[in-house]
Amino acid sequence: MGSFRSGTIYEDRLEVVSPGRLPNGITPQRMITGCRSSRNQLLKDVMRDYGYLEHMGMGVPRKIVKEMQKHNGTSPDLVEDEKRFLVRLWNKNDTGSSCG
């Protein structure tokens, strides 16, 4: 039985789901404060070798949180449960109204 990452675009948000729990005592709150640990060493090495990583594991506080605040004043939801880790990015421009 395989596990797959998925991304879904809704009218008011983007959700990215990664199966499994966060590694080595990492929590969503610790990620926001800059605590880091590699969950997939091979992927990390490839991303580093191709120049996609500036500073291992700092993407949440330095990129995701900072850029969402700058973009639309929202903060991402980082949610971990028993089976998955979810990142939810909100689209503040959605008014929630279906009236035209």
C-alpha atoms as a PDB file:
ATOM      1  CA  MET A   1       0.000   0.000   0.000  1.00  0.00           C
ATOM      2  CA  GLY A   2       1.598   3.281  -1.129  1.00  0.00           C
ATOM      3  CA  SER A   3       1.287   6.749   0.298  1.00  0.00           C
ATOM      4  CA  PHE A   4       1.094   9.814  -1.893  1.00  0.00           C
ATOM      5  CA  ARG A   5       1.489  13.520  -1.402  1.00  0.00           C
ATOM      6  CA  SER A   6      -1.382  15.537  -2.766  1.00  0.00           C
ATOM      7  CA  GLY A   7      -2.336  19.107  -3.399  1.00  0.00           C
ATOM      8  CA  THR A   8      -5.872  20.410  -3.766  1.00  0.00           C
ATOM      9  CA  ILE A   9      -6.995  23.877  -4.815  1.00  0.00           C
ATOM     10  CA  TYR A  10     -10.273  25.144  -3.366  1.00  0.00           C
ATOM     11  CA  GLU A  11     -11.916  28.534  -3.899  1.00  0.00           C
ATOM     12  CA  ASP A  12     -10.649  29.829  -0.566  1.00  0.00           C
ATOM     13  CA  ARG A  13      -7.456  27.834   0.036  1.00  0.00           C
ATOM     14  CA  LEU A  14      -4.707  25.528  -1.199  1.00  0.00           C
ATOM     15  CA  GLU A  15      -4.068  22.334   0.769  1.00  0.00           C
ATOM     16  CA  VAL A  16      -0.980  20.160   0.502  1.00  0.00           C
ATOM     17  CA  VAL A  17      -1.058  16.815   2.304  1.00  0.00           C
ATOM     18  CA  SER A  18       1.937  14.657   3.088  1.00  0.00           C
ATOM     19  CA  PRO A  19       1.295  11.195   4.526  1.00  0.00           C
ATOM     20  CA  GLY A  20       2.816  10.271   7.855  1.00  0.00           C
ATOM     21  CA  ARG A  21       3.782  12.144  10.972  1.00  0.00           C
ATOM     22  CA  LEU A  22       6.469  14.775  11.361  1.00  0.00           C
ATOM     23  CA  PRO A  23       9.901  13.375  12.339  1.00  0.00           C
ATOM     24  CA  ASN A  24      11.888  13.426  15.556  1.00  0.00           C
ATOM     25  CA  GLY A  25       9.568  15.354  17.873  1.00  0.00           C
ATOM     26  CA  ILE A  26       8.950  18.152  15.383  1.00  0.00           C
ATOM     27  CA  THR A  27       5.568  19.840  15.796  1.00  0.00           C
ATOM     28  CA  PRO A  28       3.881  22.443  13.605  1.00  0.00           C
ATOM     29  CA  GLN A  29       4.592  25.109  16.250  1.00  0.00           C
ATOM     30  CA  ARG A  30       8.260  24.141  16.424  1.00  0.00           C
ATOM     31  CA  MET A  31       8.460  24.362  12.610  1.00  0.00           C
ATOM     32  CA  ILE A  32       7.155  27.946  12.732  1.00  0.00           C
ATOM     33  CA  THR A  33       9.874  28.889  15.212  1.00  0.00           C
ATOM     34  CA  GLY A  34      12.590  27.380  13.000  1.00  0.00           C
ATOM     35  CA  CYS A  35      13.150  23.956  14.546  1.00  0.00           C
ATOM     36  CA  ARG A  36      14.041  21.557  11.753  1.00  0.00           C
ATOM     37  CA  SER A  37      14.664  17.916  10.986  1.00  0.00           C
ATOM     38  CA  SER A  38      14.845  16.135   7.640  1.00  0.00           C
ATOM     39  CA  ARG A  39      12.018  13.682   7.021  1.00  0.00           C
ATOM     40  CA  ASN A  40      13.335  12.540   3.641  1.00  0.00           C
ATOM     41  CA  GLN A  41      17.133  12.705   3.506  1.00  0.00           C
ATOM     42  CA  LEU A  42      17.337  11.736  -0.179  1.00  0.00           C
ATOM     43  CA  LEU A  43      14.873  14.442  -1.231  1.00  0.00           C
ATOM     44  CA  LYS A  44      16.707  16.991   0.919  1.00  0.00           C
ATOM     45  CA  ASP A  45      20.046  16.077  -0.680  1.00  0.00           C
ATOM     46  CA  VAL A  46      18.650  16.326  -4.221  1.00  0.00           C
ATOM     47  CA  MET A  47      16.968  19.675  -3.487  1.00  0.00           C
ATOM     48  CA  ARG A  48      20.213  20.974  -1.973  1.00  0.00           C
ATOM     49  CA  ASP A  49      22.324  19.734  -4.898  1.00  0.00           C
ATOM     50  CA  TYR A  50      20.066  21.532  -7.383  1.00  0.00           C
ATOM     51  CA  GLY A  51      20.087  24.756  -5.374  1.00  0.00           C
ATOM     52  CA  TYR A  52      16.493  24.679  -4.145  1.00  0.00           C
ATOM     53  CA  LEU A  53      17.440  24.785  -0.469  1.00  0.00           C
ATOM     54  CA  GLU A  54      18.927  27.960   0.957  1.00  0.00           C
ATOM     55  CA  HIS A  55      19.087  26.852   4.564  1.00  0.00           C
ATOM     56  CA  MET A  56      17.794  23.385   5.375  1.00  0.00           C
ATOM     57  CA  GLY A  57      14.434  23.406   7.046  1.00  0.00           C
ATOM     58  CA  MET A  58      13.917  27.151   7.295  1.00  0.00           C
ATOM     59  CA  GLY A  59      11.271  27.311   4.550  1.00  0.00           C
ATOM     60  CA  VAL A  60       8.336  27.394   6.945  1.00  0.00           C
ATOM     61  CA  PRO A  61       9.295  30.504   8.942  1.00  0.00           C
ATOM     62  CA  ARG A  62      11.355  32.292   6.287  1.00  0.00           C
ATOM     63  CA  LYS A  63       9.295  31.517   3.203  1.00  0.00           C
ATOM     64  CA  ILE A  64       5.806  30.164   3.851  1.00  0.00           C
ATOM     65  CA  VAL A  65       4.811  32.204   6.920  1.00  0.00           C
ATOM     66  CA  LYS A  66       6.629  35.386   5.891  1.00  0.00           C
ATOM     67  CA  GLU A  67       5.425  35.343   2.271  1.00  0.00           C
ATOM     68  CA  MET A  68       1.792  34.563   3.165  1.00  0.00           C
ATOM     69  CA  GLN A  69       1.797  37.462   5.630  1.00  0.00           C
ATOM     70  CA  LYS A  70       3.259  39.726   2.962  1.00  0.00           C
ATOM     71  CA  HIS A  71       0.948  38.390   0.220  1.00  0.00           C
ATOM     72  CA  ASN A  72      -2.434  38.631   1.932  1.00  0.00           C
ATOM     73  CA  GLY A  73      -1.971  39.008   5.693  1.00  0.00           C
ATOM     74  CA  THR A  74      -2.844  35.387   6.519  1.00  0.00           C
ATOM     75  CA  SER A  75      -0.878  32.695   8.286  1.00  0.00           C
ATOM     76  CA  PRO A  76      -0.727  29.118   7.039  1.00  0.00           C
ATOM     77  CA  ASP A  77      -2.394  26.318   8.947  1.00  0.00           C
ATOM     78  CA  LEU A  78       0.070  23.530   9.741  1.00  0.00           C
ATOM     79  CA  VAL A  79      -1.874  20.511  10.959  1.00  0.00           C
ATOM     80  CA  GLU A  80      -0.533  17.135  12.018  1.00  0.00           C
ATOM     81  CA  ASP A  81      -2.696  14.174  12.915  1.00  0.00           C
ATOM     82  CA  GLU A  82      -2.005  10.468  13.315  1.00  0.00           C
ATOM     83  CA  LYS A  83      -1.748   9.788   9.580  1.00  0.00           C
ATOM     84  CA  ARG A  84      -0.710  12.981   7.778  1.00  0.00           C
ATOM     85  CA  PHE A  85       0.722  16.478   7.786  1.00  0.00           C
ATOM     86  CA  LEU A  86      -1.342  19.217   6.143  1.00  0.00           C
ATOM     87  CA  VAL A  87      -0.330  22.712   5.017  1.00  0.00           C
ATOM     88  CA  ARG A  88      -3.270  25.018   4.288  1.00  0.00           C
ATOM     89  CA  LEU A  89      -2.674  28.366   2.559  1.00  0.00           C
ATOM     90  CA  TRP A  90      -5.643  30.743   2.666  1.00  0.00           C
ATOM     91  CA  ASN A  91      -6.858  32.948  -0.164  1.00  0.00           C
ATOM     92  CA  LYS A  92      -7.922  36.115   1.618  1.00  0.00           C
ATOM     93  CA  ASN A  93      -9.370  37.541  -1.600  1.00  0.00           C
ATOM     94  CA  ASP A  94     -12.263  35.055  -1.430  1.00  0.00           C
ATOM     95  CA  THR A  95     -15.246  36.835   0.114  1.00  0.00           C
ATOM     96  CA  GLY A  96     -17.114  33.603   0.784  1.00  0.00           C
ATOM     97  CA  SER A  97     -20.146  34.932  -1.068  1.00  0.00           C
ATOM     98  CA  SER A  98     -21.676  33.099  -4.013  1.00  0.00           C
ATOM     99  CA  CYS A  99     -23.798  36.102  -4.989  1.00  0.00           C
ATOM    100  CA  GLY A 100     -22.753  37.884  -8.147  1.00  0.00           C
END
